[in-house]
PDB file of all heavy atoms in Angstrom:
ATOM      1  N   GLY A   1     -19.030 -15.452   6.676  1.00  0.00           N
ATOM      2  CA  GLY A   1     -17.943 -14.985   7.541  1.00  0.00           C
ATOM      3  C   GLY A   1     -16.636 -15.645   7.189  1.00  0.00           C
ATOM      4  O   GLY A   1     -15.584 -14.997   7.162  1.00  0.00           O
ATOM      5  N   ASP A   2     -16.696 -16.955   6.901  1.00  0.00           N
ATOM      6  CA  ASP A   2     -15.479 -17.656   6.497  1.00  0.00           C
ATOM      7  C   ASP A   2     -14.949 -17.097   5.178  1.00  0.00           C
ATOM      8  O   ASP A   2     -13.754 -16.857   5.034  1.00  0.00           O
ATOM      9  CB  ASP A   2     -15.741 -19.156   6.359  1.00  0.00           C
ATOM     10  CG  ASP A   2     -15.997 -19.828   7.695  1.00  0.00           C
ATOM     11  OD1 ASP A   2     -15.684 -19.206   8.733  1.00  0.00           O
ATOM     12  OD2 ASP A   2     -16.528 -20.964   7.696  1.00  0.00           O
ATOM     13  N   SER A   3     -15.864 -16.896   4.225  1.00  0.00           N
ATOM     14  CA  SER A   3     -15.419 -16.382   2.924  1.00  0.00           C
ATOM     15  C   SER A   3     -14.935 -14.937   3.045  1.00  0.00           C
ATOM     16  O   SER A   3     -13.968 -14.555   2.380  1.00  0.00           O
ATOM     17  CB  SER A   3     -16.535 -16.495   1.883  1.00  0.00           C
ATOM     18  OG  SER A   3     -17.627 -15.674   2.223  1.00  0.00           O
ATOM     19  N   LEU A   4     -15.591 -14.137   3.899  1.00  0.00           N
ATOM     20  CA  LEU A   4     -15.115 -12.764   4.109  1.00  0.00           C
ATOM     21  C   LEU A   4     -13.753 -12.767   4.786  1.00  0.00           C
ATOM     22  O   LEU A   4     -12.879 -11.962   4.445  1.00  0.00           O
ATOM     23  CB  LEU A   4     -16.120 -11.966   4.939  1.00  0.00           C
ATOM     24  CG  LEU A   4     -17.418 -11.571   4.250  1.00  0.00           C
ATOM     25  CD1 LEU A   4     -18.341 -10.868   5.227  1.00  0.00           C
ATOM     26  CD2 LEU A   4     -17.135 -10.659   3.068  1.00  0.00           C
ATOM     27  N   GLY A   5     -13.573 -13.671   5.745  1.00  0.00           N
ATOM     28  CA  GLY A   5     -12.271 -13.771   6.409  1.00  0.00           C
ATOM     29  C   GLY A   5     -11.192 -14.170   5.429  1.00  0.00           C
ATOM     30  O   GLY A   5     -10.075 -13.623   5.454  1.00  0.00           O
ATOM     31  N   GLU A   6     -11.521 -15.136   4.549  1.00  0.00           N
ATOM     32  CA  GLU A   6     -10.557 -15.550   3.527  1.00  0.00           C
ATOM     33  C   GLU A   6     -10.272 -14.398   2.576  1.00  0.00           C
ATOM     34  O   GLU A   6      -9.121 -14.149   2.216  1.00  0.00           O
ATOM     35  CB  GLU A   6     -11.096 -16.749   2.752  1.00  0.00           C
ATOM     36  CG  GLU A   6     -11.178 -18.023   3.555  1.00  0.00           C
ATOM     37  CD  GLU A   6     -11.899 -19.142   2.827  1.00  0.00           C
ATOM     38  OE1 GLU A   6     -12.298 -18.938   1.653  1.00  0.00           O
ATOM     39  OE2 GLU A   6     -12.067 -20.208   3.421  1.00  0.00           O
ATOM     40  N   GLY A   7     -11.332 -13.688   2.162  1.00  0.00           N
ATOM     41  CA  GLY A   7     -11.152 -12.551   1.259  1.00  0.00           C
ATOM     42  C   GLY A   7     -10.322 -11.456   1.909  1.00  0.00           C
ATOM     43  O   GLY A   7      -9.470 -10.839   1.257  1.00  0.00           O
ATOM     44  N   LEU A   8     -10.575 -11.220   3.200  1.00  0.00           N
ATOM     45  CA  LEU A   8      -9.819 -10.198   3.915  1.00  0.00           C
ATOM     46  C   LEU A   8      -8.343 -10.585   4.019  1.00  0.00           C
ATOM     47  O   LEU A   8      -7.458  -9.746   3.797  1.00  0.00           O
ATOM     48  CB  LEU A   8     -10.404  -9.986   5.318  1.00  0.00           C
ATOM     49  CG  LEU A   8      -9.798  -8.885   6.163  1.00  0.00           C
ATOM     50  CD1 LEU A   8      -9.967  -7.531   5.479  1.00  0.00           C
ATOM     51  CD2 LEU A   8     -10.431  -8.864   7.534  1.00  0.00           C
ATOM     52  N   SER A   9      -8.084 -11.832   4.309  1.00  0.00           N
ATOM     53  CA  SER A   9      -6.678 -12.254   4.396  1.00  0.00           C
ATOM     54  C   SER A   9      -6.018 -12.168   3.017  1.00  0.00           C
ATOM     55  O   SER A   9      -4.848 -11.775   2.914  1.00  0.00           O
ATOM     56  CB  SER A   9      -6.566 -13.661   4.967  1.00  0.00           C
ATOM     57  OG  SER A   9      -7.164 -14.602   4.119  1.00  0.00           O
ATOM     58  N   GLU A  10      -6.754 -12.514   1.957  1.00  0.00           N
ATOM     59  CA  GLU A  10      -6.203 -12.372   0.601  1.00  0.00           C
ATOM     60  C   GLU A  10      -5.910 -10.914   0.277  1.00  0.00           C
ATOM     61  O   GLU A  10      -4.887 -10.594  -0.333  1.00  0.00           O
ATOM     62  CB  GLU A  10      -7.162 -12.960  -0.425  1.00  0.00           C
ATOM     63  CG  GLU A  10      -7.250 -14.471  -0.393  1.00  0.00           C
ATOM     64  CD  GLU A  10      -8.316 -15.013  -1.327  1.00  0.00           C
ATOM     65  OE1 GLU A  10      -8.889 -14.222  -2.117  1.00  0.00           O
ATOM     66  OE2 GLU A  10      -8.595 -16.215  -1.262  1.00  0.00           O
ATOM     67  N   LEU A  11      -6.837 -10.021   0.684  1.00  0.00           N
ATOM     68  CA  LEU A  11      -6.616  -8.589   0.440  1.00  0.00           C
ATOM     69  C   LEU A  11      -5.408  -8.080   1.215  1.00  0.00           C
ATOM     70  O   LEU A  11      -4.631  -7.252   0.700  1.00  0.00           O
ATOM     71  CB  LEU A  11      -7.860  -7.788   0.820  1.00  0.00           C
ATOM     72  CG  LEU A  11      -9.041  -7.880  -0.138  1.00  0.00           C
ATOM     73  CD1 LEU A  11     -10.245  -7.140   0.435  1.00  0.00           C
ATOM     74  CD2 LEU A  11      -8.676  -7.290  -1.499  1.00  0.00           C
ATOM     75  N   ARG A  12      -5.231  -8.546   2.426  1.00  0.00           N
ATOM     76  CA  ARG A  12      -4.067  -8.126   3.202  1.00  0.00           C
ATOM     77  C   ARG A  12      -2.776  -8.588   2.527  1.00  0.00           C
ATOM     78  O   ARG A  12      -1.809  -7.823   2.428  1.00  0.00           O
ATOM     79  CB  ARG A  12      -4.152  -8.686   4.623  1.00  0.00           C
ATOM     80  CG  ARG A  12      -5.135  -7.969   5.488  1.00  0.00           C
ATOM     81  CD  ARG A  12      -5.159  -8.517   6.886  1.00  0.00           C
ATOM     82  NE  ARG A  12      -6.161  -7.827   7.686  1.00  0.00           N
ATOM     83  CZ  ARG A  12      -6.743  -8.335   8.741  1.00  0.00           C
ATOM     84  NH1 ARG A  12      -6.430  -9.546   9.156  1.00  0.00           N
ATOM     85  NH2 ARG A  12      -7.643  -7.634   9.402  1.00  0.00           N
ATOM     86  N   GLU A  13      -2.772  -9.852   2.095  1.00  0.00           N
ATOM     87  CA  GLU A  13      -1.584 -10.364   1.419  1.00  0.00           C
ATOM     88  C   GLU A  13      -1.306  -9.574   0.145  1.00  0.00           C
ATOM     89  O   GLU A  13      -0.160  -9.215  -0.151  1.00  0.00           O
ATOM     90  CB  GLU A  13      -1.771 -11.841   1.073  1.00  0.00           C
ATOM     91  CG  GLU A  13      -1.768 -12.764   2.270  1.00  0.00           C
ATOM     92  CD  GLU A  13      -2.125 -14.193   1.901  1.00  0.00           C
ATOM     93  OE1 GLU A  13      -2.214 -14.512   0.695  1.00  0.00           O
ATOM     94  OE2 GLU A  13      -2.314 -14.991   2.831  1.00  0.00           O
ATOM     95  N   GLN A  14      -2.358  -9.271  -0.608  1.00  0.00           N
ATOM     96  CA  GLN A  14      -2.198  -8.507  -1.843  1.00  0.00           C
ATOM     97  C   GLN A  14      -1.701  -7.099  -1.532  1.00  0.00           C
ATOM     98  O   GLN A  14      -0.846  -6.563  -2.243  1.00  0.00           O
ATOM     99  CB  GLN A  14      -3.533  -8.462  -2.596  1.00  0.00           C
ATOM    100  CG  GLN A  14      -3.432  -7.831  -3.963  1.00  0.00           C
ATOM    101  CD  GLN A  14      -4.768  -7.860  -4.689  1.00  0.00           C
ATOM    102  OE1 GLN A  14      -5.797  -8.194  -4.112  1.00  0.00           O
ATOM    103  NE2 GLN A  14      -4.751  -7.496  -5.960  1.00  0.00           N
ATOM    104  N   MET A  15      -2.223  -6.494  -0.461  1.00  0.00           N
ATOM    105  CA  MET A  15      -1.790  -5.153  -0.085  1.00  0.00           C
ATOM    106  C   MET A  15      -0.303  -5.158   0.294  1.00  0.00           C
ATOM    107  O   MET A  15       0.451  -4.254  -0.089  1.00  0.00           O
ATOM    108  CB  MET A  15      -2.618  -4.627   1.089  1.00  0.00           C
ATOM    109  CG  MET A  15      -2.338  -3.173   1.428  1.00  0.00           C
ATOM    110  SD  MET A  15      -3.361  -2.547   2.743  1.00  0.00           S
ATOM    111  CE  MET A  15      -2.604  -3.298   4.150  1.00  0.00           C
ATOM    112  N   VAL A  16       0.141  -6.174   1.004  1.00  0.00           N
ATOM    113  CA  VAL A  16       1.557  -6.271   1.374  1.00  0.00           C
ATOM    114  C   VAL A  16       2.402  -6.412   0.116  1.00  0.00           C
ATOM    115  O   VAL A  16       3.440  -5.740  -0.041  1.00  0.00           O
ATOM    116  CB  VAL A  16       1.775  -7.448   2.347  1.00  0.00           C
ATOM    117  CG1 VAL A  16       3.250  -7.763   2.515  1.00  0.00           C
ATOM    118  CG2 VAL A  16       1.133  -7.145   3.691  1.00  0.00           C
ATOM    119  N   ARG A  17       1.966  -7.285  -0.808  1.00  0.00           N
ATOM    120  CA  ARG A  17       2.729  -7.468  -2.058  1.00  0.00           C
ATOM    121  C   ARG A  17       2.776  -6.165  -2.854  1.00  0.00           C
ATOM    122  O   ARG A  17       3.827  -5.782  -3.379  1.00  0.00           O
ATOM    123  CB  ARG A  17       2.091  -8.571  -2.908  1.00  0.00           C
ATOM    124  CG  ARG A  17       2.343  -9.970  -2.397  1.00  0.00           C
ATOM    125  CD  ARG A  17       1.943 -11.028  -3.429  1.00  0.00           C
ATOM    126  NE  ARG A  17       0.627 -10.855  -3.991  1.00  0.00           N
ATOM    127  CZ  ARG A  17      -0.487 -11.459  -3.541  1.00  0.00           C
ATOM    128  NH1 ARG A  17      -0.416 -12.269  -2.512  1.00  0.00           N
ATOM    129  NH2 ARG A  17      -1.648 -11.251  -4.124  1.00  0.00           N
ATOM    130  N   LEU A  18       1.635  -5.477  -2.970  1.00  0.00           N
ATOM    131  CA  LEU A  18       1.603  -4.224  -3.734  1.00  0.00           C
ATOM    132  C   LEU A  18       2.434  -3.138  -3.058  1.00  0.00           C
ATOM    133  O   LEU A  18       3.098  -2.342  -3.740  1.00  0.00           O
ATOM    134  CB  LEU A  18       0.158  -3.766  -3.923  1.00  0.00           C
ATOM    135  CG  LEU A  18      -0.685  -4.601  -4.878  1.00  0.00           C
ATOM    136  CD1 LEU A  18      -2.129  -4.110  -4.877  1.00  0.00           C
ATOM    137  CD2 LEU A  18      -0.117  -4.557  -6.287  1.00  0.00           C
ATOM    138  N   THR A  19       2.396  -3.083  -1.728  1.00  0.00           N
ATOM    139  CA  THR A  19       3.201  -2.097  -1.017  1.00  0.00           C
ATOM    140  C   THR A  19       4.683  -2.354  -1.272  1.00  0.00           C
ATOM    141  O   THR A  19       5.453  -1.411  -1.533  1.00  0.00           O
ATOM    142  CB  THR A  19       2.899  -2.144   0.491  1.00  0.00           C
ATOM    143  OG1 THR A  19       1.512  -1.934   0.695  1.00  0.00           O
ATOM    144  CG2 THR A  19       3.685  -1.098   1.255  1.00  0.00           C
ATOM    145  N   LEU A  20       5.085  -3.611  -1.208  1.00  0.00           N
ATOM    146  CA  LEU A  20       6.484  -3.945  -1.505  1.00  0.00           C
ATOM    147  C   LEU A  20       6.831  -3.571  -2.942  1.00  0.00           C
ATOM    148  O   LEU A  20       7.900  -3.016  -3.222  1.00  0.00           O
ATOM    149  CB  LEU A  20       6.744  -5.429  -1.256  1.00  0.00           C
ATOM    150  CG  LEU A  20       6.739  -5.882   0.200  1.00  0.00           C
ATOM    151  CD1 LEU A  20       6.832  -7.404   0.283  1.00  0.00           C
ATOM    152  CD2 LEU A  20       7.877  -5.233   0.961  1.00  0.00           C
ATOM    153  N   ARG A  21       5.924  -3.865  -3.855  1.00  0.00           N
ATOM    154  CA  ARG A  21       6.170  -3.556  -5.271  1.00  0.00           C
ATOM    155  C   ARG A  21       6.289  -2.048  -5.484  1.00  0.00           C
ATOM    156  O   ARG A  21       7.190  -1.579  -6.191  1.00  0.00           O
ATOM    157  CB  ARG A  21       5.034  -4.132  -6.113  1.00  0.00           C
ATOM    158  CG  ARG A  21       5.267  -4.010  -7.576  1.00  0.00           C
ATOM    159  CD  ARG A  21       4.190  -4.734  -8.333  1.00  0.00           C
ATOM    160  NE  ARG A  21       4.415  -4.615  -9.752  1.00  0.00           N
ATOM    161  CZ  ARG A  21       3.555  -4.971 -10.661  1.00  0.00           C
ATOM    162  NH1 ARG A  21       2.403  -5.513 -10.296  1.00  0.00           N
ATOM    163  NH2 ARG A  21       3.812  -4.829 -11.932  1.00  0.00           N
ATOM    164  N   VAL A  22       5.366  -1.279  -4.882  1.00  0.00           N
ATOM    165  CA  VAL A  22       5.403   0.179  -5.015  1.00  0.00           C
ATOM    166  C   VAL A  22       6.697   0.715  -4.420  1.00  0.00           C
ATOM    167  O   VAL A  22       7.348   1.606  -4.990  1.00  0.00           O
ATOM    168  CB  VAL A  22       4.166   0.823  -4.360  1.00  0.00           C
ATOM    169  CG1 VAL A  22       4.344   2.324  -4.181  1.00  0.00           C
ATOM    170  CG2 VAL A  22       2.923   0.526  -5.168  1.00  0.00           C
ATOM    171  N   ASN A  23       7.117   0.174  -3.285  1.00  0.00           N
ATOM    172  CA  ASN A  23       8.363   0.640  -2.660  1.00  0.00           C
ATOM    173  C   ASN A  23       9.559   0.318  -3.548  1.00  0.00           C
ATOM    174  O   ASN A  23      10.470   1.142  -3.699  1.00  0.00           O
ATOM    175  CB  ASN A  23       8.538   0.033  -1.274  1.00  0.00           C
ATOM    176  CG  ASN A  23       7.590   0.652  -0.270  1.00  0.00           C
ATOM    177  OD1 ASN A  23       7.091   1.750  -0.476  1.00  0.00           O
ATOM    178  ND2 ASN A  23       7.340  -0.054   0.819  1.00  0.00           N
ATOM    179  N   ARG A  24       9.583  -0.865  -4.173  1.00  0.00           N
ATOM    180  CA  ARG A  24      10.688  -1.215  -5.074  1.00  0.00           C
ATOM    181  C   ARG A  24      10.700  -0.310  -6.299  1.00  0.00           C
ATOM    182  O   ARG A  24      11.747   0.175  -6.723  1.00  0.00           O
ATOM    183  CB  ARG A  24      10.564  -2.679  -5.511  1.00  0.00           C
ATOM    184  CG  ARG A  24      11.194  -3.613  -4.509  1.00  0.00           C
ATOM    185  CD  ARG A  24      11.252  -5.031  -5.055  1.00  0.00           C
ATOM    186  NE  ARG A  24      10.148  -5.744  -4.407  1.00  0.00           N
ATOM    187  CZ  ARG A  24       9.372  -6.645  -4.972  1.00  0.00           C
ATOM    188  NH1 ARG A  24       9.569  -7.021  -6.212  1.00  0.00           N
ATOM    189  NH2 ARG A  24       8.402  -7.213  -4.301  1.00  0.00           N
ATOM    190  N   ILE A  25       9.501  -0.076  -6.864  1.00  0.00           N
ATOM    191  CA  ILE A  25       9.421   0.800  -8.037  1.00  0.00           C
ATOM    192  C   ILE A  25       9.819   2.217  -7.661  1.00  0.00           C
ATOM    193  O   ILE A  25      10.551   2.886  -8.399  1.00  0.00           O
ATOM    194  CB  ILE A  25       8.013   0.749  -8.655  1.00  0.00           C
ATOM    195  CG1 ILE A  25       7.750  -0.628  -9.262  1.00  0.00           C
ATOM    196  CG2 ILE A  25       7.817   1.837  -9.694  1.00  0.00           C
ATOM    197  CD1 ILE A  25       6.319  -0.843  -9.719  1.00  0.00           C
ATOM    198  N   SER A  26       9.352   2.690  -6.492  1.00  0.00           N
ATOM    199  CA  SER A  26       9.705   4.043  -6.045  1.00  0.00           C
ATOM    200  C   SER A  26      11.205   4.172  -5.848  1.00  0.00           C
ATOM    201  O   SER A  26      11.807   5.184  -6.228  1.00  0.00           O
ATOM    202  CB  SER A  26       8.984   4.382  -4.743  1.00  0.00           C
ATOM    203  OG  SER A  26       7.602   4.447  -4.944  1.00  0.00           O
ATOM    204  N   SER A  27      11.813   3.170  -5.248  1.00  0.00           N
ATOM    205  CA  SER A  27      13.263   3.262  -5.055  1.00  0.00           C
ATOM    206  C   SER A  27      13.996   3.170  -6.385  1.00  0.00           C
ATOM    207  O   SER A  27      15.029   3.815  -6.577  1.00  0.00           O
ATOM    208  CB  SER A  27      13.737   2.184  -4.079  1.00  0.00           C
ATOM    209  OG  SER A  27      13.573   0.910  -4.650  1.00  0.00           O
ATOM    210  N   TYR A  28      13.498   2.384  -7.327  1.00  0.00           N
ATOM    211  CA  TYR A  28      14.119   2.271  -8.649  1.00  0.00           C
ATOM    212  C   TYR A  28      14.034   3.584  -9.402  1.00  0.00           C
ATOM    213  O   TYR A  28      14.979   3.998 -10.070  1.00  0.00           O
ATOM    214  CB  TYR A  28      13.440   1.156  -9.440  1.00  0.00           C
ATOM    215  CG  TYR A  28      13.979   1.004 -10.838  1.00  0.00           C
ATOM    216  CD1 TYR A  28      15.215   0.403 -11.056  1.00  0.00           C
ATOM    217  CD2 TYR A  28      13.261   1.474 -11.928  1.00  0.00           C
ATOM    218  CE1 TYR A  28      15.716   0.261 -12.334  1.00  0.00           C
ATOM    219  CE2 TYR A  28      13.759   1.342 -13.208  1.00  0.00           C
ATOM    220  CZ  TYR A  28      14.991   0.734 -13.410  1.00  0.00           C
ATOM    221  OH  TYR A  28      15.488   0.600 -14.676  1.00  0.00           O
ATOM    222  N   LEU A  29      12.851   4.262  -9.304  1.00  0.00           N
ATOM    223  CA  LEU A  29      12.671   5.541  -9.998  1.00  0.00           C
ATOM    224  C   LEU A  29      13.262   6.705  -9.222  1.00  0.00           C
ATOM    225  O   LEU A  29      13.299   7.828  -9.710  1.00  0.00           O
ATOM    226  CB  LEU A  29      11.182   5.796 -10.253  1.00  0.00           C
ATOM    227  CG  LEU A  29      10.500   4.841 -11.220  1.00  0.00           C
ATOM    228  CD1 LEU A  29       9.011   5.142 -11.286  1.00  0.00           C
ATOM    229  CD2 LEU A  29      11.118   4.972 -12.605  1.00  0.00           C
ATOM    230  N   GLY A  30      13.663   6.453  -8.008  1.00  0.00           N
ATOM    231  CA  GLY A  30      14.238   7.516  -7.205  1.00  0.00           C
ATOM    232  C   GLY A  30      13.176   8.383  -6.560  1.00  0.00           C
ATOM    233  O   GLY A  30      13.412   9.550  -6.274  1.00  0.00           O
ATOM    234  N   LEU A  31      12.022   7.824  -6.320  1.00  0.00           N
ATOM    235  CA  LEU A  31      10.941   8.559  -5.661  1.00  0.00           C
ATOM    236  C   LEU A  31      10.887   8.153  -4.195  1.00  0.00           C
ATOM    237  O   LEU A  31      11.208   7.033  -3.826  1.00  0.00           O
ATOM    238  CB  LEU A  31       9.597   8.243  -6.315  1.00  0.00           C
ATOM    239  CG  LEU A  31       9.471   8.567  -7.801  1.00  0.00           C
ATOM    240  CD1 LEU A  31       8.135   8.048  -8.321  1.00  0.00           C
ATOM    241  CD2 LEU A  31       9.559  10.064  -8.026  1.00  0.00           C
ATOM    242  N   GLU A  32      10.478   9.113  -3.402  1.00  0.00           N
ATOM    243  CA  GLU A  32      10.270   8.789  -1.995  1.00  0.00           C
ATOM    244  C   GLU A  32       8.934   8.054  -1.875  1.00  0.00           C
ATOM    245  O   GLU A  32       8.062   8.208  -2.722  1.00  0.00           O
ATOM    246  CB  GLU A  32      10.255  10.069  -1.156  1.00  0.00           C
ATOM    247  CG  GLU A  32      11.600  10.726  -1.041  1.00  0.00           C
ATOM    248  CD  GLU A  32      11.549  11.931  -0.123  1.00  0.00           C
ATOM    249  OE1 GLU A  32      10.559  12.089   0.617  1.00  0.00           O
ATOM    250  OE2 GLU A  32      12.503  12.709  -0.160  1.00  0.00           O
ATOM    251  N   PRO A  33       8.771   7.293  -0.837  1.00  0.00           N
ATOM    252  CA  PRO A  33       7.480   6.629  -0.638  1.00  0.00           C
ATOM    253  C   PRO A  33       6.358   7.654  -0.518  1.00  0.00           C
ATOM    254  O   PRO A  33       6.607   8.836  -0.286  1.00  0.00           O
ATOM    255  CB  PRO A  33       7.656   5.864   0.668  1.00  0.00           C
ATOM    256  CG  PRO A  33       9.115   5.800   0.911  1.00  0.00           C
ATOM    257  CD  PRO A  33       9.729   6.953   0.173  1.00  0.00           C
ATOM    258  N   MET A  34       5.157   7.203  -0.673  1.00  0.00           N
ATOM    259  CA  MET A  34       3.990   8.085  -0.612  1.00  0.00           C
ATOM    260  C   MET A  34       3.943   8.790   0.731  1.00  0.00           C
ATOM    261  O   MET A  34       4.146   8.180   1.775  1.00  0.00           O
ATOM    262  CB  MET A  34       2.705   7.285  -0.799  1.00  0.00           C
ATOM    263  CG  MET A  34       2.624   6.568  -2.139  1.00  0.00           C
ATOM    264  SD  MET A  34       2.579   7.690  -3.480  1.00  0.00           S
ATOM    265  CE  MET A  34       0.865   7.764  -3.766  1.00  0.00           C
ATOM    266  N   VAL A  35       3.663  10.108   0.672  1.00  0.00           N
ATOM    267  CA  VAL A  35       3.605  10.905   1.890  1.00  0.00           C
ATOM    268  C   VAL A  35       2.137  11.185   2.189  1.00  0.00           C
ATOM    269  O   VAL A  35       1.422  11.717   1.336  1.00  0.00           O
ATOM    270  CB  VAL A  35       4.370  12.236   1.709  1.00  0.00           C
ATOM    271  CG1 VAL A  35       4.242  13.102   2.944  1.00  0.00           C
ATOM    272  CG2 VAL A  35       5.804  11.961   1.362  1.00  0.00           C
ATOM    273  N   PRO A  36       1.678  10.823   3.383  1.00  0.00           N
ATOM    274  CA  PRO A  36       0.285  11.149   3.703  1.00  0.00           C
ATOM    275  C   PRO A  36       0.126  12.646   3.877  1.00  0.00           C
ATOM    276  O   PRO A  36       1.049  13.329   4.314  1.00  0.00           O
ATOM    277  CB  PRO A  36       0.027  10.398   5.017  1.00  0.00           C
ATOM    278  CG  PRO A  36       1.360  10.162   5.609  1.00  0.00           C
ATOM    279  CD  PRO A  36       2.334  10.110   4.470  1.00  0.00           C
ATOM    280  N   PRO A  37      -1.025  13.199   3.510  1.00  0.00           N
ATOM    281  CA  PRO A  37      -1.228  14.645   3.620  1.00  0.00           C
ATOM    282  C   PRO A  37      -1.280  15.082   5.075  1.00  0.00           C
ATOM    283  O   PRO A  37      -1.730  14.354   5.939  1.00  0.00           O
ATOM    284  CB  PRO A  37      -2.564  14.871   2.922  1.00  0.00           C
ATOM    285  CG  PRO A  37      -3.272  13.568   3.012  1.00  0.00           C
ATOM    286  CD  PRO A  37      -2.215  12.518   2.997  1.00  0.00           C
ATOM    287  N   THR A  38      -0.786  16.284   5.315  1.00  0.00           N
ATOM    288  CA  THR A  38      -0.855  16.851   6.657  1.00  0.00           C
ATOM    289  C   THR A  38      -2.112  17.688   6.760  1.00  0.00           C
ATOM    290  O   THR A  38      -2.823  17.903   5.783  1.00  0.00           O
ATOM    291  CB  THR A  38       0.381  17.723   6.926  1.00  0.00           C
ATOM    292  OG1 THR A  38       0.389  18.794   5.979  1.00  0.00           O
ATOM    293  CG2 THR A  38       1.662  16.915   6.821  1.00  0.00           C
ATOM    294  N   GLU A  39      -2.349  18.188   7.935  1.00  0.00           N
ATOM    295  CA  GLU A  39      -3.554  18.991   8.118  1.00  0.00           C
ATOM    296  C   GLU A  39      -3.437  20.335   7.398  1.00  0.00           C
ATOM    297  O   GLU A  39      -4.425  20.899   6.971  1.00  0.00           O
ATOM    298  CB  GLU A  39      -3.811  19.208   9.615  1.00  0.00           C
ATOM    299  CG  GLU A  39      -4.296  17.957  10.306  1.00  0.00           C
ATOM    300  CD  GLU A  39      -4.648  18.212  11.754  1.00  0.00           C
ATOM    301  OE1 GLU A  39      -4.893  19.364  12.124  1.00  0.00           O
ATOM    302  OE2 GLU A  39      -4.676  17.241  12.511  1.00  0.00           O
ATOM    303  N   LYS A  40      -2.222  20.846   7.270  1.00  0.00           N
ATOM    304  CA  LYS A  40      -2.044  22.112   6.551  1.00  0.00           C
ATOM    305  C   LYS A  40      -2.278  21.896   5.068  1.00  0.00           C
ATOM    306  O   LYS A  40      -2.941  22.683   4.418  1.00  0.00           O
ATOM    307  CB  LYS A  40      -0.627  22.659   6.777  1.00  0.00           C
ATOM    308  CG  LYS A  40      -0.351  23.084   8.173  1.00  0.00           C
ATOM    309  CD  LYS A  40       1.070  23.573   8.283  1.00  0.00           C
ATOM    310  CE  LYS A  40       1.449  23.876   9.714  1.00  0.00           C
ATOM    311  NZ  LYS A  40       2.835  24.278   9.845  1.00  0.00           N
ATOM    312  N   ASP A  41      -1.684  20.846   4.541  1.00  0.00           N
ATOM    313  CA  ASP A  41      -1.836  20.531   3.119  1.00  0.00           C
ATOM    314  C   ASP A  41      -2.931  19.486   3.011  1.00  0.00           C
ATOM    315  O   ASP A  41      -2.777  18.376   3.488  1.00  0.00           O
ATOM    316  CB  ASP A  41      -0.538  19.947   2.547  1.00  0.00           C
ATOM    317  CG  ASP A  41       0.647  20.885   2.757  1.00  0.00           C
ATOM    318  OD1 ASP A  41       0.412  22.101   2.775  1.00  0.00           O
ATOM    319  OD2 ASP A  41       1.772  20.371   2.917  1.00  0.00           O
ATOM    320  N   THR A  42      -3.991  19.841   2.349  1.00  0.00           N
ATOM    321  CA  THR A  42      -5.094  18.897   2.219  1.00  0.00           C
ATOM    322  C   THR A  42      -5.354  18.607   0.749  1.00  0.00           C
ATOM    323  O   THR A  42      -6.384  18.974   0.201  1.00  0.00           O
ATOM    324  CB  THR A  42      -6.380  19.455   2.871  1.00  0.00           C
ATOM    325  OG1 THR A  42      -6.641  20.727   2.294  1.00  0.00           O
ATOM    326  CG2 THR A  42      -6.254  19.546   4.365  1.00  0.00           C
ATOM    327  N   PRO A  43      -4.411  17.959   0.059  1.00  0.00           N
ATOM    328  CA  PRO A  43      -4.685  17.601  -1.330  1.00  0.00           C
ATOM    329  C   PRO A  43      -5.662  16.432  -1.380  1.00  0.00           C
ATOM    330  O   PRO A  43      -5.886  15.744  -0.399  1.00  0.00           O
ATOM    331  CB  PRO A  43      -3.318  17.201  -1.885  1.00  0.00           C
ATOM    332  CG  PRO A  43      -2.532  16.776  -0.691  1.00  0.00           C
ATOM    333  CD  PRO A  43      -3.056  17.598   0.457  1.00  0.00           C
TER     334      PRO A  43
END
């Protein structure tokens, strides 16, 4: 449980870093952030 908690916190930190990185890259390339699919569009 301790190791899973540590792993989970590491994954959260990594997800935050990657989200920030993706947002910076998207803004640099002129892309909008990822759009979640709607119920009409189910890609």
